[in-house]
Amino acid sequence: MNEHLKVLRSLTPSFYIKRGDQASIIGGVIEFIKELHQVLQALESKKQRKTLSPSPGPSPMGVPVQFPPVQADIPFGFEAGGGLPGACCNSSLADVEAKLSGSNVILKIVSRRITGQVLKIISVLERLCFEVLHLNVSSMEDTVLYSFVVKIGLECQLSLEELAVEVQQSFFSEPVYVNDID
């Protein structure tokens, strides 16, 4: 058992393992595997977007953008039958998934890397009365996966479908930079 734990520890980046006890090593390995799974899903989503749209670049300025219909039956990032209510909104720029988990929403976004995009997403969430509790960013080459856990504010009246569409629309607006935030 100790030899297997040593191997697991050697294969896992050190920041995933907080202490040297067995439970910490196994917990860190589980988190690392989850992270690798998210990166795999991001790459699969990128591959799917490339096959669906030959030019995934942003729409030219001045041309109206057609937002795709919400696809609540085609989730990404979660195993089928996960049991959590949710909604998806996918386009050539990004795939957005929102899942309800108690009084929180788990929000996953896969897109190509866009400067300032995470700030735009956070700005949208705060404007819609969501509080960001946790943010995880995974990237590989030019693809990025943003995983948010957000708390639903008391004033929030949005459905999961509306939230997914609002986040999706942030990909079609002007970039936000740190210096632009109040």
N, C-alpha and C. Protein backbone atom coordinates (compact mmCIF):
# COMPACT_ATOMS: atom_id res chain seq x y z
N MET A 1 0.83 -1.20 0.00
CA MET A 1 0.00 0.00 0.00
C MET A 1 0.87 1.26 0.00
N ASN A 2 1.92 1.25 0.84
CA ASN A 2 2.79 2.42 0.92
C ASN A 2 3.53 2.66 -0.39
N GLU A 3 3.93 1.59 -1.08
CA GLU A 3 4.59 1.75 -2.38
C GLU A 3 3.64 2.37 -3.40
N HIS A 4 2.40 1.93 -3.41
CA HIS A 4 1.41 2.49 -4.34
C HIS A 4 1.16 3.97 -4.03
N LEU A 5 1.12 4.30 -2.75
CA LEU A 5 0.94 5.71 -2.37
C LEU A 5 2.12 6.55 -2.82
N LYS A 6 3.33 6.00 -2.71
CA LYS A 6 4.52 6.72 -3.17
C LYS A 6 4.45 6.98 -4.68
N VAL A 7 4.00 5.97 -5.44
CA VAL A 7 3.88 6.13 -6.88
C VAL A 7 2.83 7.19 -7.21
N LEU A 8 1.68 7.11 -6.53
CA LEU A 8 0.63 8.11 -6.77
C LEU A 8 1.14 9.51 -6.46
N ARG A 9 1.85 9.64 -5.36
CA ARG A 9 2.37 10.95 -4.97
C ARG A 9 3.38 11.47 -5.99
N SER A 10 4.20 10.57 -6.53
CA SER A 10 5.21 11.00 -7.51
C SER A 10 4.58 11.40 -8.84
N LEU A 11 3.40 10.86 -9.16
CA LEU A 11 2.72 11.17 -10.43
C LEU A 11 1.82 12.40 -10.34
N THR A 12 1.63 12.91 -9.14
CA THR A 12 0.70 14.01 -8.91
C THR A 12 1.47 15.29 -8.59
N PRO A 13 1.13 16.42 -9.24
CA PRO A 13 1.80 17.69 -8.90
C PRO A 13 1.65 17.99 -7.40
N SER A 14 2.70 18.52 -6.82
CA SER A 14 2.76 18.70 -5.36
C SER A 14 1.67 19.60 -4.79
N PHE A 15 1.17 20.58 -5.56
CA PHE A 15 0.17 21.48 -5.00
C PHE A 15 -1.19 20.82 -4.81
N TYR A 16 -1.38 19.61 -5.33
CA TYR A 16 -2.62 18.88 -5.10
C TYR A 16 -2.59 18.13 -3.77
N ILE A 17 -1.41 17.89 -3.25
CA ILE A 17 -1.26 17.11 -2.01
C ILE A 17 -0.78 18.04 -0.92
N LYS A 18 -1.67 18.30 0.04
CA LYS A 18 -1.38 19.29 1.09
C LYS A 18 -0.52 18.72 2.21
N ARG A 19 -0.76 17.45 2.56
CA ARG A 19 -0.01 16.79 3.65
C ARG A 19 0.44 15.42 3.16
N GLY A 20 1.23 14.73 3.95
CA GLY A 20 1.78 13.43 3.54
C GLY A 20 0.98 12.22 3.98
N ASP A 21 -0.14 12.43 4.67
CA ASP A 21 -0.91 11.27 5.14
C ASP A 21 -1.67 10.63 3.99
N GLN A 22 -2.11 9.40 4.18
CA GLN A 22 -2.76 8.62 3.12
C GLN A 22 -4.01 9.32 2.56
N ALA A 23 -4.84 9.83 3.44
CA ALA A 23 -6.08 10.48 2.99
C ALA A 23 -5.77 11.70 2.13
N SER A 24 -4.77 12.50 2.49
CA SER A 24 -4.41 13.68 1.71
C SER A 24 -3.85 13.29 0.35
N ILE A 25 -3.04 12.25 0.32
CA ILE A 25 -2.48 11.79 -0.96
C ILE A 25 -3.60 11.32 -1.88
N ILE A 26 -4.48 10.49 -1.37
CA ILE A 26 -5.58 9.96 -2.19
C ILE A 26 -6.51 11.10 -2.61
N GLY A 27 -6.83 12.01 -1.69
CA GLY A 27 -7.67 13.16 -2.04
C GLY A 27 -7.03 14.03 -3.11
N GLY A 28 -5.72 14.26 -3.01
CA GLY A 28 -5.01 15.05 -4.01
C GLY A 28 -5.00 14.37 -5.37
N VAL A 29 -4.82 13.06 -5.37
CA VAL A 29 -4.83 12.31 -6.63
C VAL A 29 -6.21 12.39 -7.27
N ILE A 30 -7.25 12.28 -6.46
CA ILE A 30 -8.63 12.39 -6.99
C ILE A 30 -8.84 13.76 -7.63
N GLU A 31 -8.40 14.83 -6.96
CA GLU A 31 -8.55 16.18 -7.53
C GLU A 31 -7.76 16.32 -8.83
N PHE A 32 -6.55 15.75 -8.87
CA PHE A 32 -5.74 15.80 -10.08
C PHE A 32 -6.41 15.05 -11.22
N ILE A 33 -6.98 13.89 -10.94
CA ILE A 33 -7.68 13.12 -11.97
C ILE A 33 -8.91 13.89 -12.46
N LYS A 34 -9.64 14.55 -11.56
CA LYS A 34 -10.78 15.37 -11.97
C LYS A 34 -10.32 16.49 -12.91
N GLU A 35 -9.19 17.11 -12.58
CA GLU A 35 -8.65 18.17 -13.41
C GLU A 35 -8.28 17.64 -14.79
N LEU A 36 -7.63 16.49 -14.83
CA LEU A 36 -7.28 15.88 -16.11
C LEU A 36 -8.54 15.55 -16.91
N HIS A 37 -9.57 15.10 -16.22
CA HIS A 37 -10.84 14.79 -16.88
C HIS A 37 -11.44 16.06 -17.50
N GLN A 38 -11.36 17.18 -16.79
CA GLN A 38 -11.87 18.45 -17.32
C GLN A 38 -11.08 18.88 -18.55
N VAL A 39 -9.77 18.70 -18.52
CA VAL A 39 -8.96 19.06 -19.68
C VAL A 39 -9.33 18.17 -20.87
N LEU A 40 -9.54 16.89 -20.62
CA LEU A 40 -9.96 15.99 -21.68
C LEU A 40 -11.29 16.43 -22.27
N GLN A 41 -12.23 16.80 -21.42
CA GLN A 41 -13.53 17.27 -21.90
C GLN A 41 -13.39 18.56 -22.70
N ALA A 42 -12.50 19.44 -22.27
CA ALA A 42 -12.27 20.68 -23.00
C ALA A 42 -11.72 20.38 -24.39
N LEU A 43 -10.80 19.45 -24.46
CA LEU A 43 -10.24 19.09 -25.76
C LEU A 43 -11.27 18.42 -26.66
N GLU A 44 -12.11 17.57 -26.07
CA GLU A 44 -13.17 16.94 -26.86
C GLU A 44 -14.16 17.97 -27.37
N SER A 45 -14.49 18.95 -26.53
CA SER A 45 -15.40 20.01 -26.93
C SER A 45 -14.77 20.85 -28.04
N LYS A 46 -13.48 21.14 -27.92
CA LYS A 46 -12.78 21.90 -28.95
C LYS A 46 -12.81 21.14 -30.27
N LYS A 47 -12.57 19.86 -30.21
CA LYS A 47 -12.60 19.03 -31.42
C LYS A 47 -13.99 19.05 -32.04
N GLN A 48 -15.02 18.95 -31.21
CA GLN A 48 -16.39 18.98 -31.70
C GLN A 48 -16.71 20.33 -32.34
N ARG A 49 -16.27 21.44 -31.71
CA ARG A 49 -16.52 22.76 -32.28
C ARG A 49 -15.83 22.92 -33.62
N LYS A 50 -14.62 22.37 -33.75
CA LYS A 50 -13.90 22.48 -35.01
C LYS A 50 -14.61 21.72 -36.12
N THR A 51 -15.22 20.57 -35.79
CA THR A 51 -15.92 19.80 -36.82
C THR A 51 -17.25 20.45 -37.19
N LEU A 52 -17.87 21.17 -36.25
CA LEU A 52 -19.16 21.82 -36.52
C LEU A 52 -19.00 23.15 -37.22
N SER A 53 -17.90 23.85 -36.99
CA SER A 53 -17.71 25.19 -37.54
C SER A 53 -16.30 25.31 -38.07
N PRO A 54 -16.13 25.46 -39.39
CA PRO A 54 -14.78 25.55 -39.94
C PRO A 54 -14.01 26.79 -39.51
N SER A 55 -14.69 27.89 -39.19
CA SER A 55 -13.99 29.10 -38.75
C SER A 55 -14.57 29.56 -37.42
N PRO A 56 -13.94 29.14 -36.29
CA PRO A 56 -14.49 29.47 -34.98
C PRO A 56 -14.18 30.87 -34.49
N GLY A 57 -13.68 31.74 -35.34
CA GLY A 57 -13.35 33.10 -34.92
C GLY A 57 -14.58 33.92 -34.60
N PRO A 58 -14.40 35.07 -33.96
CA PRO A 58 -15.54 35.90 -33.61
C PRO A 58 -16.21 36.47 -34.85
N SER A 59 -17.47 36.84 -34.69
CA SER A 59 -18.23 37.42 -35.79
C SER A 59 -17.69 38.80 -36.11
N PRO A 60 -17.73 39.21 -37.39
CA PRO A 60 -17.27 40.55 -37.74
C PRO A 60 -18.12 41.61 -37.03
N MET A 61 -17.49 42.73 -36.73
CA MET A 61 -18.22 43.82 -36.06
C MET A 61 -19.34 44.30 -36.97
N GLY A 62 -20.47 44.62 -36.39
CA GLY A 62 -21.59 45.15 -37.14
C GLY A 62 -22.53 44.09 -37.69
N VAL A 63 -22.12 42.83 -37.66
CA VAL A 63 -22.98 41.77 -38.15
C VAL A 63 -23.75 41.20 -36.97
N PRO A 64 -25.10 41.15 -37.03
CA PRO A 64 -25.84 40.62 -35.89
C PRO A 64 -25.48 39.16 -35.64
N VAL A 65 -25.36 38.81 -34.39
CA VAL A 65 -25.00 37.45 -34.00
C VAL A 65 -26.27 36.69 -33.65
N GLN A 66 -26.42 35.52 -34.20
CA GLN A 66 -27.55 34.66 -33.86
C GLN A 66 -27.11 33.72 -32.74
N PHE A 67 -27.76 33.80 -31.60
CA PHE A 67 -27.42 32.92 -30.50
C PHE A 67 -28.13 31.60 -30.69
N PRO A 68 -27.45 30.51 -30.40
CA PRO A 68 -28.05 29.20 -30.59
C PRO A 68 -29.15 28.96 -29.57
N PRO A 69 -30.10 28.07 -29.91
CA PRO A 69 -31.11 27.73 -28.92
C PRO A 69 -30.48 26.99 -27.76
N VAL A 70 -31.08 27.12 -26.59
CA VAL A 70 -30.59 26.41 -25.42
C VAL A 70 -30.80 24.93 -25.62
N GLN A 71 -29.77 24.15 -25.35
CA GLN A 71 -29.83 22.71 -25.55
C GLN A 71 -29.74 22.03 -24.18
N ALA A 72 -30.86 21.87 -23.52
CA ALA A 72 -30.85 21.31 -22.17
C ALA A 72 -30.60 19.82 -22.17
N ASP A 73 -30.67 19.16 -23.32
CA ASP A 73 -30.51 17.72 -23.34
C ASP A 73 -29.14 17.28 -23.85
N ILE A 74 -28.20 18.22 -24.10
CA ILE A 74 -26.88 17.85 -24.58
C ILE A 74 -25.83 18.48 -23.66
N PRO A 75 -25.68 17.97 -22.45
CA PRO A 75 -24.71 18.56 -21.55
C PRO A 75 -23.29 18.13 -21.89
N PHE A 76 -22.31 18.93 -21.50
CA PHE A 76 -20.92 18.51 -21.56
C PHE A 76 -20.36 18.68 -20.17
N GLY A 77 -19.32 17.95 -19.88
CA GLY A 77 -18.64 18.14 -18.60
C GLY A 77 -19.23 17.38 -17.44
N PHE A 78 -20.38 16.76 -17.61
CA PHE A 78 -20.97 15.96 -16.56
C PHE A 78 -21.34 14.61 -17.14
N GLU A 79 -21.26 13.58 -16.33
CA GLU A 79 -21.65 12.26 -16.79
C GLU A 79 -23.14 12.25 -17.04
N ALA A 80 -23.56 11.50 -18.04
CA ALA A 80 -24.99 11.38 -18.33
C ALA A 80 -25.69 10.80 -17.12
N GLY A 81 -26.86 11.30 -16.85
CA GLY A 81 -27.62 10.81 -15.71
C GLY A 81 -27.13 11.34 -14.38
N GLY A 82 -26.42 12.47 -14.38
CA GLY A 82 -25.91 13.03 -13.15
C GLY A 82 -26.99 13.46 -12.19
N GLY A 83 -28.22 13.63 -12.67
CA GLY A 83 -29.34 13.94 -11.81
C GLY A 83 -29.50 15.41 -11.48
N LEU A 84 -28.56 16.25 -11.83
CA LEU A 84 -28.68 17.66 -11.52
C LEU A 84 -29.42 18.37 -12.65
N PRO A 85 -30.42 19.21 -12.30
CA PRO A 85 -31.10 19.98 -13.35
C PRO A 85 -30.11 20.96 -13.98
N GLY A 86 -30.22 21.15 -15.29
CA GLY A 86 -29.27 22.04 -15.93
C GLY A 86 -29.69 22.47 -17.31
N ALA A 87 -28.84 23.30 -17.90
CA ALA A 87 -29.08 23.82 -19.25
C ALA A 87 -27.75 24.08 -19.91
N CYS A 88 -27.74 24.01 -21.25
CA CYS A 88 -26.55 24.28 -22.04
C CYS A 88 -26.86 25.31 -23.11
N CYS A 89 -25.85 26.06 -23.46
CA CYS A 89 -25.95 27.02 -24.57
C CYS A 89 -24.61 26.95 -25.30
N ASN A 90 -24.61 26.43 -26.52
CA ASN A 90 -23.37 26.19 -27.24
C ASN A 90 -23.31 27.04 -28.51
N SER A 91 -22.10 27.46 -28.86
CA SER A 91 -21.88 28.18 -30.11
C SER A 91 -20.48 27.83 -30.60
N SER A 92 -20.10 28.42 -31.71
CA SER A 92 -18.76 28.17 -32.24
C SER A 92 -17.68 28.80 -31.36
N LEU A 93 -18.04 29.76 -30.53
CA LEU A 93 -17.06 30.40 -29.65
C LEU A 93 -16.94 29.74 -28.29
N ALA A 94 -18.04 29.22 -27.77
CA ALA A 94 -18.00 28.65 -26.42
C ALA A 94 -19.16 27.70 -26.19
N ASP A 95 -18.91 26.74 -25.29
CA ASP A 95 -19.96 25.87 -24.79
C ASP A 95 -20.17 26.25 -23.33
N VAL A 96 -21.42 26.52 -22.96
CA VAL A 96 -21.74 26.94 -21.59
C VAL A 96 -22.73 25.95 -21.01
N GLU A 97 -22.44 25.49 -19.80
CA GLU A 97 -23.34 24.57 -19.12
C GLU A 97 -23.57 25.09 -17.71
N ALA A 98 -24.83 25.12 -17.30
CA ALA A 98 -25.20 25.54 -15.94
C ALA A 98 -25.97 24.40 -15.29
N LYS A 99 -25.54 23.98 -14.11
CA LYS A 99 -26.20 22.91 -13.37
C LYS A 99 -26.51 23.40 -11.96
N LEU A 100 -27.68 23.06 -11.48
CA LEU A 100 -28.09 23.43 -10.13
C LEU A 100 -27.55 22.41 -9.14
N SER A 101 -26.98 22.89 -8.04
CA SER A 101 -26.48 22.03 -6.98
C SER A 101 -26.81 22.69 -5.65
N GLY A 102 -27.94 22.34 -5.09
CA GLY A 102 -28.40 22.98 -3.86
C GLY A 102 -28.72 24.43 -4.12
N SER A 103 -28.16 25.33 -3.32
CA SER A 103 -28.40 26.77 -3.52
C SER A 103 -27.31 27.39 -4.40
N ASN A 104 -26.51 26.54 -5.04
CA ASN A 104 -25.43 27.02 -5.90
C ASN A 104 -25.66 26.56 -7.34
N VAL A 105 -24.92 27.18 -8.22
CA VAL A 105 -24.91 26.77 -9.63
C VAL A 105 -23.49 26.39 -9.99
N ILE A 106 -23.35 25.26 -10.64
CA ILE A 106 -22.06 24.85 -11.19
C ILE A 106 -22.08 25.26 -12.65
N LEU A 107 -21.15 26.11 -13.02
CA LEU A 107 -21.10 26.69 -14.35
C LEU A 107 -19.79 26.27 -15.01
N LYS A 108 -19.89 25.63 -16.18
CA LYS A 108 -18.69 25.23 -16.92
C LYS A 108 -18.74 25.85 -18.30
N ILE A 109 -17.61 26.45 -18.68
CA ILE A 109 -17.51 27.11 -19.97
C ILE A 109 -16.24 26.60 -20.65
N VAL A 110 -16.37 26.12 -21.88
CA VAL A 110 -15.23 25.71 -22.68
C VAL A 110 -15.17 26.62 -23.90
N SER A 111 -14.00 27.21 -24.13
CA SER A 111 -13.85 28.11 -25.28
C SER A 111 -12.38 28.16 -25.68
N ARG A 112 -12.13 28.86 -26.76
CA ARG A 112 -10.75 29.16 -27.08
C ARG A 112 -10.31 30.27 -26.13
N ARG A 113 -9.02 30.41 -25.92
CA ARG A 113 -8.49 31.42 -25.00
C ARG A 113 -8.75 32.82 -25.57
N ILE A 114 -9.40 33.67 -24.78
CA ILE A 114 -9.70 35.04 -25.18
C ILE A 114 -9.27 35.96 -24.04
N THR A 115 -8.41 36.90 -24.33
CA THR A 115 -7.91 37.83 -23.31
C THR A 115 -9.06 38.57 -22.65
N GLY A 116 -9.09 38.56 -21.33
CA GLY A 116 -10.10 39.30 -20.57
C GLY A 116 -11.44 38.59 -20.44
N GLN A 117 -11.59 37.39 -21.00
CA GLN A 117 -12.89 36.72 -20.98
C GLN A 117 -13.35 36.35 -19.57
N VAL A 118 -12.44 35.87 -18.74
CA VAL A 118 -12.85 35.49 -17.39
C VAL A 118 -13.40 36.70 -16.62
N LEU A 119 -12.83 37.87 -16.87
CA LEU A 119 -13.33 39.08 -16.22
C LEU A 119 -14.74 39.42 -16.72
N LYS A 120 -14.99 39.22 -18.00
CA LYS A 120 -16.32 39.47 -18.55
C LYS A 120 -17.34 38.51 -17.95
N ILE A 121 -16.96 37.25 -17.79
CA ILE A 121 -17.88 36.27 -17.21
C ILE A 121 -18.19 36.64 -15.76
N ILE A 122 -17.16 36.98 -14.99
CA ILE A 122 -17.38 37.37 -13.59
C ILE A 122 -18.25 38.61 -13.51
N SER A 123 -18.02 39.56 -14.40
CA SER A 123 -18.84 40.78 -14.43
C SER A 123 -20.30 40.45 -14.71
N VAL A 124 -20.54 39.55 -15.65
CA VAL A 124 -21.92 39.13 -15.96
C VAL A 124 -22.54 38.46 -14.74
N LEU A 125 -21.81 37.57 -14.10
CA LEU A 125 -22.34 36.86 -12.93
C LEU A 125 -22.69 37.83 -11.80
N GLU A 126 -21.81 38.78 -11.53
CA GLU A 126 -22.08 39.74 -10.46
C GLU A 126 -23.25 40.65 -10.81
N ARG A 127 -23.34 41.06 -12.07
CA ARG A 127 -24.47 41.90 -12.50
C ARG A 127 -25.79 41.15 -12.34
N LEU A 128 -25.77 39.83 -12.48
CA LEU A 128 -26.99 39.01 -12.38
C LEU A 128 -27.24 38.50 -10.96
N CYS A 129 -26.53 39.05 -9.97
CA CYS A 129 -26.72 38.72 -8.55
C CYS A 129 -26.22 37.32 -8.18
N PHE A 130 -25.14 36.89 -8.80
CA PHE A 130 -24.48 35.65 -8.41
C PHE A 130 -23.17 36.01 -7.73
N GLU A 131 -22.80 35.22 -6.72
CA GLU A 131 -21.54 35.43 -6.02
C GLU A 131 -20.62 34.27 -6.37
N VAL A 132 -19.43 34.59 -6.88
CA VAL A 132 -18.48 33.54 -7.24
C VAL A 132 -17.86 32.98 -5.97
N LEU A 133 -18.10 31.69 -5.73
CA LEU A 133 -17.53 31.02 -4.57
C LEU A 133 -16.21 30.33 -4.92
N HIS A 134 -16.13 29.81 -6.13
CA HIS A 134 -14.93 29.07 -6.55
C HIS A 134 -14.77 29.20 -8.06
N LEU A 135 -13.54 29.34 -8.49
CA LEU A 135 -13.22 29.39 -9.91
C LEU A 135 -12.01 28.52 -10.17
N ASN A 136 -12.12 27.65 -11.15
CA ASN A 136 -11.00 26.82 -11.56
C ASN A 136 -10.80 27.05 -13.05
N VAL A 137 -9.57 27.32 -13.46
CA VAL A 137 -9.26 27.53 -14.86
C VAL A 137 -8.28 26.46 -15.30
N SER A 138 -8.66 25.71 -16.32
CA SER A 138 -7.78 24.70 -16.91
C SER A 138 -7.58 25.07 -18.37
N SER A 139 -6.34 24.97 -18.84
CA SER A 139 -6.13 25.30 -20.25
C SER A 139 -5.14 24.34 -20.86
N MET A 140 -5.30 24.18 -22.16
CA MET A 140 -4.36 23.41 -22.95
C MET A 140 -4.31 24.05 -24.32
N GLU A 141 -3.12 24.47 -24.71
CA GLU A 141 -2.91 25.19 -25.96
C GLU A 141 -3.85 26.40 -26.00
N ASP A 142 -4.75 26.48 -26.97
CA ASP A 142 -5.61 27.67 -27.06
C ASP A 142 -7.03 27.41 -26.54
N THR A 143 -7.24 26.29 -25.86
CA THR A 143 -8.55 25.97 -25.29
C THR A 143 -8.51 26.14 -23.78
N VAL A 144 -9.59 26.69 -23.23
CA VAL A 144 -9.65 26.91 -21.79
C VAL A 144 -10.99 26.41 -21.26
N LEU A 145 -10.97 25.87 -20.05
CA LEU A 145 -12.17 25.44 -19.35
C LEU A 145 -12.27 26.26 -18.07
N TYR A 146 -13.36 27.03 -17.95
CA TYR A 146 -13.65 27.77 -16.72
C TYR A 146 -14.71 26.98 -15.97
N SER A 147 -14.41 26.63 -14.72
CA SER A 147 -15.39 25.94 -13.87
C SER A 147 -15.69 26.85 -12.68
N PHE A 148 -16.93 27.29 -12.59
CA PHE A 148 -17.36 28.18 -11.51
C PHE A 148 -18.32 27.44 -10.59
N VAL A 149 -18.25 27.76 -9.31
CA VAL A 149 -19.33 27.46 -8.38
C VAL A 149 -19.80 28.82 -7.91
N VAL A 150 -21.07 29.12 -8.18
CA VAL A 150 -21.60 30.43 -7.83
C VAL A 150 -22.82 30.28 -6.93
N LYS A 151 -22.92 31.18 -5.98
CA LYS A 151 -24.06 31.21 -5.08
C LYS A 151 -25.16 32.07 -5.70
N ILE A 152 -26.37 31.57 -5.63
CA ILE A 152 -27.51 32.29 -6.19
C ILE A 152 -27.94 33.36 -5.20
N GLY A 153 -27.92 34.62 -5.63
CA GLY A 153 -28.33 35.72 -4.76
C GLY A 153 -29.84 35.75 -4.57
N LEU A 154 -30.28 36.34 -3.48
CA LEU A 154 -31.71 36.41 -3.17
C LEU A 154 -32.49 37.18 -4.23
N GLU A 155 -31.83 38.16 -4.86
CA GLU A 155 -32.50 38.98 -5.86
C GLU A 155 -32.54 38.33 -7.24
N CYS A 156 -31.87 37.21 -7.40
CA CYS A 156 -31.74 36.58 -8.72
C CYS A 156 -33.06 35.94 -9.14
N GLN A 157 -33.51 36.27 -10.34
CA GLN A 157 -34.77 35.73 -10.87
C GLN A 157 -34.55 34.97 -12.18
N LEU A 158 -33.30 34.63 -12.50
CA LEU A 158 -32.99 33.97 -13.76
C LEU A 158 -33.17 32.46 -13.70
N SER A 159 -33.55 31.88 -14.83
CA SER A 159 -33.54 30.42 -14.95
C SER A 159 -32.13 30.00 -15.35
N LEU A 160 -31.85 28.71 -15.26
CA LEU A 160 -30.55 28.20 -15.69
C LEU A 160 -30.33 28.46 -17.19
N GLU A 161 -31.40 28.34 -17.96
CA GLU A 161 -31.30 28.59 -19.40
C GLU A 161 -30.91 30.05 -19.67
N GLU A 162 -31.55 30.97 -18.94
CA GLU A 162 -31.24 32.40 -19.12
C GLU A 162 -29.81 32.70 -18.69
N LEU A 163 -29.35 32.07 -17.60
CA LEU A 163 -27.98 32.26 -17.15
C LEU A 163 -27.00 31.78 -18.22
N ALA A 164 -27.24 30.59 -18.77
CA ALA A 164 -26.36 30.05 -19.81
C ALA A 164 -26.29 30.98 -21.01
N VAL A 165 -27.43 31.52 -21.42
CA VAL A 165 -27.46 32.44 -22.56
C VAL A 165 -26.72 33.73 -22.23
N GLU A 166 -26.92 34.28 -21.03
CA GLU A 166 -26.23 35.51 -20.63
C GLU A 166 -24.71 35.33 -20.65
N VAL A 167 -24.24 34.21 -20.12
CA VAL A 167 -22.79 33.95 -20.12
C VAL A 167 -22.31 33.77 -21.56
N GLN A 168 -23.07 33.06 -22.37
CA GLN A 168 -22.73 32.86 -23.78
C GLN A 168 -22.59 34.21 -24.49
N GLN A 169 -23.51 35.14 -24.21
CA GLN A 169 -23.48 36.45 -24.86
C GLN A 169 -22.24 37.25 -24.50
N SER A 170 -21.62 36.96 -23.35
CA SER A 170 -20.41 37.69 -22.97
C SER A 170 -19.27 37.42 -23.94
N PHE A 171 -19.35 36.34 -24.69
CA PHE A 171 -18.31 36.02 -25.67
C PHE A 171 -18.44 36.87 -26.94
N PHE A 172 -19.57 37.52 -27.10
CA PHE A 172 -19.81 38.30 -28.30
C PHE A 172 -19.75 39.80 -28.05
N SER A 173 -19.31 40.21 -26.86
CA SER A 173 -19.22 41.63 -26.54
C SER A 173 -17.76 42.06 -26.51
N GLU A 174 -17.53 43.34 -26.29
CA GLU A 174 -16.18 43.88 -26.26
C GLU A 174 -15.41 43.34 -25.06
N PRO A 175 -14.09 43.20 -25.18
CA PRO A 175 -13.29 42.68 -24.07
C PRO A 175 -13.28 43.63 -22.87
N VAL A 176 -13.11 43.05 -21.69
CA VAL A 176 -12.98 43.82 -20.45
C VAL A 176 -11.58 43.58 -19.92
N TYR A 177 -10.90 44.63 -19.50
CA TYR A 177 -9.57 44.51 -18.97
C TYR A 177 -9.56 44.96 -17.52
N VAL A 178 -8.57 44.51 -16.76
CA VAL A 178 -8.49 44.81 -15.33
C VAL A 178 -8.55 46.30 -15.09
N ASN A 179 -7.92 47.11 -15.90
CA ASN A 179 -7.91 48.57 -15.72
C ASN A 179 -9.29 49.19 -15.93
N ASP A 180 -10.21 48.48 -16.62
CA ASP A 180 -11.54 49.00 -16.89
C ASP A 180 -12.50 48.78 -15.73
N ILE A 181 -12.14 47.95 -14.76
CA ILE A 181 -13.06 47.61 -13.66
C ILE A 181 -12.99 48.68 -12.60
N ASP A 182 -14.18 49.05 -12.07
CA ASP A 182 -14.26 50.10 -11.03
C ASP A 182 -13.62 49.65 -9.75
